[in-house]
Amino acid sequence: MNFMQIQEYIKFDSIGLADLIKKKKVHVKEIIDVAIKAIELYNPKINAVIHKMYDEVEKQIKENHQG
C-alpha cells in the first residue's frame, strides 16, 4: 500500500479526501493516521486542537468500516 504523506494530505480539502476514499485510492484509516501526524507536528506551534479524540476516532473506524 502506498501511504499518504503530510505533504500530499495538505493538498486536499475534505471533499477531495472523501473522493479519494470513495474511489478507493486511500483507506479512511490512512487519512486518519496522516491527520493525526499533522496535528502532532503543527499543533504545538499553533495550538488549534485542544481536545484530541484519537481513541474515539479509532473506535468509529472499527465500528463503521470494519478495520
N, C-alpha and C. Protein backbone atom coordinates (compact mmCIF):
# COMPACT_ATOMS: atom_id res chain seq x y z
N MET A 1 0.85 -1.19 0.00
CA MET A 1 0.00 0.00 0.00
C MET A 1 0.89 1.25 0.00
N ASN A 2 0.50 2.23 -0.74
CA ASN A 2 1.23 3.48 -0.84
C ASN A 2 0.67 4.47 0.18
N PHE A 3 1.37 4.70 1.27
CA PHE A 3 0.84 5.53 2.34
C PHE A 3 0.97 7.02 2.03
N MET A 4 -0.09 7.75 2.33
CA MET A 4 -0.13 9.19 2.10
C MET A 4 0.78 9.90 3.09
N GLN A 5 1.50 10.89 2.60
CA GLN A 5 2.36 11.71 3.44
C GLN A 5 1.66 13.05 3.72
N ILE A 6 2.12 13.77 4.72
CA ILE A 6 1.52 15.05 5.09
C ILE A 6 1.54 16.02 3.91
N GLN A 7 2.64 16.04 3.15
CA GLN A 7 2.75 16.96 2.02
C GLN A 7 1.65 16.73 0.99
N GLU A 8 1.26 15.49 0.80
CA GLU A 8 0.17 15.17 -0.13
C GLU A 8 -1.19 15.47 0.51
N TYR A 9 -1.33 15.11 1.78
CA TYR A 9 -2.58 15.31 2.53
C TYR A 9 -3.03 16.77 2.52
N ILE A 10 -2.10 17.68 2.72
CA ILE A 10 -2.48 19.10 2.83
C ILE A 10 -2.90 19.72 1.50
N LYS A 11 -2.73 19.00 0.41
CA LYS A 11 -3.17 19.49 -0.90
C LYS A 11 -4.69 19.33 -1.09
N PHE A 12 -5.34 18.54 -0.24
CA PHE A 12 -6.76 18.21 -0.40
C PHE A 12 -7.61 18.88 0.67
N ASP A 13 -8.83 19.26 0.28
CA ASP A 13 -9.83 19.68 1.26
C ASP A 13 -10.62 18.42 1.64
N SER A 14 -11.63 18.57 2.49
CA SER A 14 -12.38 17.41 2.96
C SER A 14 -13.11 16.69 1.83
N ILE A 15 -13.59 17.45 0.86
CA ILE A 15 -14.29 16.83 -0.27
C ILE A 15 -13.31 16.02 -1.12
N GLY A 16 -12.13 16.57 -1.33
CA GLY A 16 -11.10 15.84 -2.08
C GLY A 16 -10.67 14.56 -1.38
N LEU A 17 -10.52 14.63 -0.06
CA LEU A 17 -10.15 13.43 0.70
C LEU A 17 -11.26 12.39 0.64
N ALA A 18 -12.51 12.84 0.77
CA ALA A 18 -13.66 11.92 0.69
C ALA A 18 -13.71 11.25 -0.68
N ASP A 19 -13.40 12.00 -1.72
CA ASP A 19 -13.39 11.46 -3.08
C ASP A 19 -12.32 10.38 -3.23
N LEU A 20 -11.14 10.62 -2.65
CA LEU A 20 -10.08 9.60 -2.68
C LEU A 20 -10.53 8.32 -2.00
N ILE A 21 -11.21 8.46 -0.87
CA ILE A 21 -11.72 7.29 -0.13
C ILE A 21 -12.78 6.58 -0.96
N LYS A 22 -13.71 7.34 -1.53
CA LYS A 22 -14.79 6.76 -2.33
C LYS A 22 -14.23 5.98 -3.52
N LYS A 23 -13.18 6.52 -4.15
CA LYS A 23 -12.57 5.86 -5.31
C LYS A 23 -11.60 4.76 -4.90
N LYS A 24 -11.48 4.54 -3.59
CA LYS A 24 -10.61 3.51 -3.02
C LYS A 24 -9.14 3.71 -3.37
N LYS A 25 -8.75 4.98 -3.50
CA LYS A 25 -7.34 5.29 -3.72
C LYS A 25 -6.59 5.32 -2.39
N VAL A 26 -7.32 5.58 -1.30
CA VAL A 26 -6.78 5.51 0.06
C VAL A 26 -7.87 4.94 0.97
N HIS A 27 -7.47 4.42 2.09
CA HIS A 27 -8.41 3.91 3.09
C HIS A 27 -8.62 5.00 4.14
N VAL A 28 -9.79 5.02 4.72
CA VAL A 28 -10.11 6.04 5.73
C VAL A 28 -9.09 6.03 6.86
N LYS A 29 -8.59 4.87 7.24
CA LYS A 29 -7.59 4.76 8.31
C LYS A 29 -6.31 5.49 7.93
N GLU A 30 -5.96 5.43 6.67
CA GLU A 30 -4.75 6.12 6.20
C GLU A 30 -4.91 7.64 6.33
N ILE A 31 -6.09 8.15 6.01
CA ILE A 31 -6.37 9.58 6.15
C ILE A 31 -6.31 9.99 7.62
N ILE A 32 -6.92 9.20 8.47
CA ILE A 32 -6.90 9.50 9.91
C ILE A 32 -5.47 9.50 10.44
N ASP A 33 -4.68 8.51 10.05
CA ASP A 33 -3.30 8.42 10.53
C ASP A 33 -2.48 9.65 10.13
N VAL A 34 -2.61 10.08 8.88
CA VAL A 34 -1.84 11.24 8.44
C VAL A 34 -2.37 12.52 9.08
N ALA A 35 -3.68 12.59 9.32
CA ALA A 35 -4.25 13.76 10.01
C ALA A 35 -3.70 13.86 11.43
N ILE A 36 -3.60 12.74 12.10
CA ILE A 36 -3.04 12.73 13.47
C ILE A 36 -1.57 13.16 13.43
N LYS A 37 -0.82 12.67 12.46
CA LYS A 37 0.58 13.09 12.33
C LYS A 37 0.68 14.60 12.12
N ALA A 38 -0.20 15.14 11.29
CA ALA A 38 -0.19 16.58 11.03
C ALA A 38 -0.53 17.37 12.30
N ILE A 39 -1.51 16.88 13.04
CA ILE A 39 -1.87 17.54 14.30
C ILE A 39 -0.69 17.54 15.26
N GLU A 40 -0.05 16.40 15.41
CA GLU A 40 1.08 16.29 16.33
C GLU A 40 2.26 17.16 15.88
N LEU A 41 2.43 17.32 14.58
CA LEU A 41 3.54 18.12 14.06
C LEU A 41 3.28 19.62 14.21
N TYR A 42 2.07 20.07 13.83
CA TYR A 42 1.80 21.51 13.76
C TYR A 42 1.11 22.09 15.00
N ASN A 43 0.37 21.28 15.73
CA ASN A 43 -0.40 21.83 16.85
C ASN A 43 0.45 22.48 17.95
N PRO A 44 1.62 21.97 18.28
CA PRO A 44 2.41 22.67 19.30
C PRO A 44 2.73 24.12 18.93
N LYS A 45 2.80 24.41 17.64
CA LYS A 45 3.11 25.77 17.19
C LYS A 45 1.87 26.66 17.13
N ILE A 46 0.72 26.07 16.75
CA ILE A 46 -0.47 26.90 16.54
C ILE A 46 -1.56 26.72 17.59
N ASN A 47 -1.47 25.66 18.38
CA ASN A 47 -2.41 25.40 19.47
C ASN A 47 -3.87 25.47 19.01
N ALA A 48 -4.18 24.78 17.92
CA ALA A 48 -5.53 24.80 17.36
C ALA A 48 -6.40 23.66 17.90
N VAL A 49 -5.79 22.54 18.24
CA VAL A 49 -6.55 21.38 18.72
C VAL A 49 -6.36 21.27 20.23
N ILE A 50 -7.46 21.43 20.97
CA ILE A 50 -7.34 21.40 22.42
C ILE A 50 -7.82 20.09 23.03
N HIS A 51 -8.63 19.35 22.29
CA HIS A 51 -9.10 18.06 22.79
C HIS A 51 -8.90 17.01 21.71
N LYS A 52 -7.88 16.21 21.87
CA LYS A 52 -7.57 15.18 20.89
C LYS A 52 -8.44 13.96 21.17
N MET A 53 -9.17 13.53 20.17
CA MET A 53 -10.11 12.42 20.33
C MET A 53 -9.67 11.22 19.49
N TYR A 54 -8.40 10.91 19.52
CA TYR A 54 -7.85 9.86 18.69
C TYR A 54 -8.49 8.50 18.99
N ASP A 55 -8.68 8.18 20.26
CA ASP A 55 -9.27 6.89 20.61
C ASP A 55 -10.70 6.77 20.09
N GLU A 56 -11.45 7.84 20.17
CA GLU A 56 -12.83 7.84 19.69
C GLU A 56 -12.88 7.63 18.18
N VAL A 57 -11.94 8.25 17.47
CA VAL A 57 -11.87 8.10 16.02
C VAL A 57 -11.55 6.65 15.65
N GLU A 58 -10.58 6.07 16.33
CA GLU A 58 -10.21 4.68 16.06
C GLU A 58 -11.41 3.76 16.30
N LYS A 59 -12.15 4.02 17.35
CA LYS A 59 -13.34 3.21 17.65
C LYS A 59 -14.38 3.35 16.54
N GLN A 60 -14.61 4.57 16.06
CA GLN A 60 -15.56 4.80 14.98
C GLN A 60 -15.15 4.07 13.70
N ILE A 61 -13.86 4.11 13.40
CA ILE A 61 -13.37 3.41 12.20
C ILE A 61 -13.69 1.93 12.30
N LYS A 62 -13.38 1.34 13.44
CA LYS A 62 -13.63 -0.11 13.62
C LYS A 62 -15.11 -0.42 13.52
N GLU A 63 -15.96 0.42 14.12
CA GLU A 63 -17.39 0.17 14.09
C GLU A 63 -18.00 0.36 12.70
N ASN A 64 -17.57 1.39 12.00
CA ASN A 64 -18.20 1.76 10.73
C ASN A 64 -17.55 1.15 9.50
N HIS A 65 -16.27 0.81 9.59
CA HIS A 65 -15.56 0.35 8.39
C HIS A 65 -14.91 -1.01 8.58
N GLN A 66 -15.18 -1.64 9.68
CA GLN A 66 -14.64 -2.97 9.95
C GLN A 66 -13.13 -3.05 9.75
N GLY A 67 -12.42 -2.11 10.40
CA GLY A 67 -10.97 -2.21 10.42
C GLY A 67 -10.25 -1.11 9.80
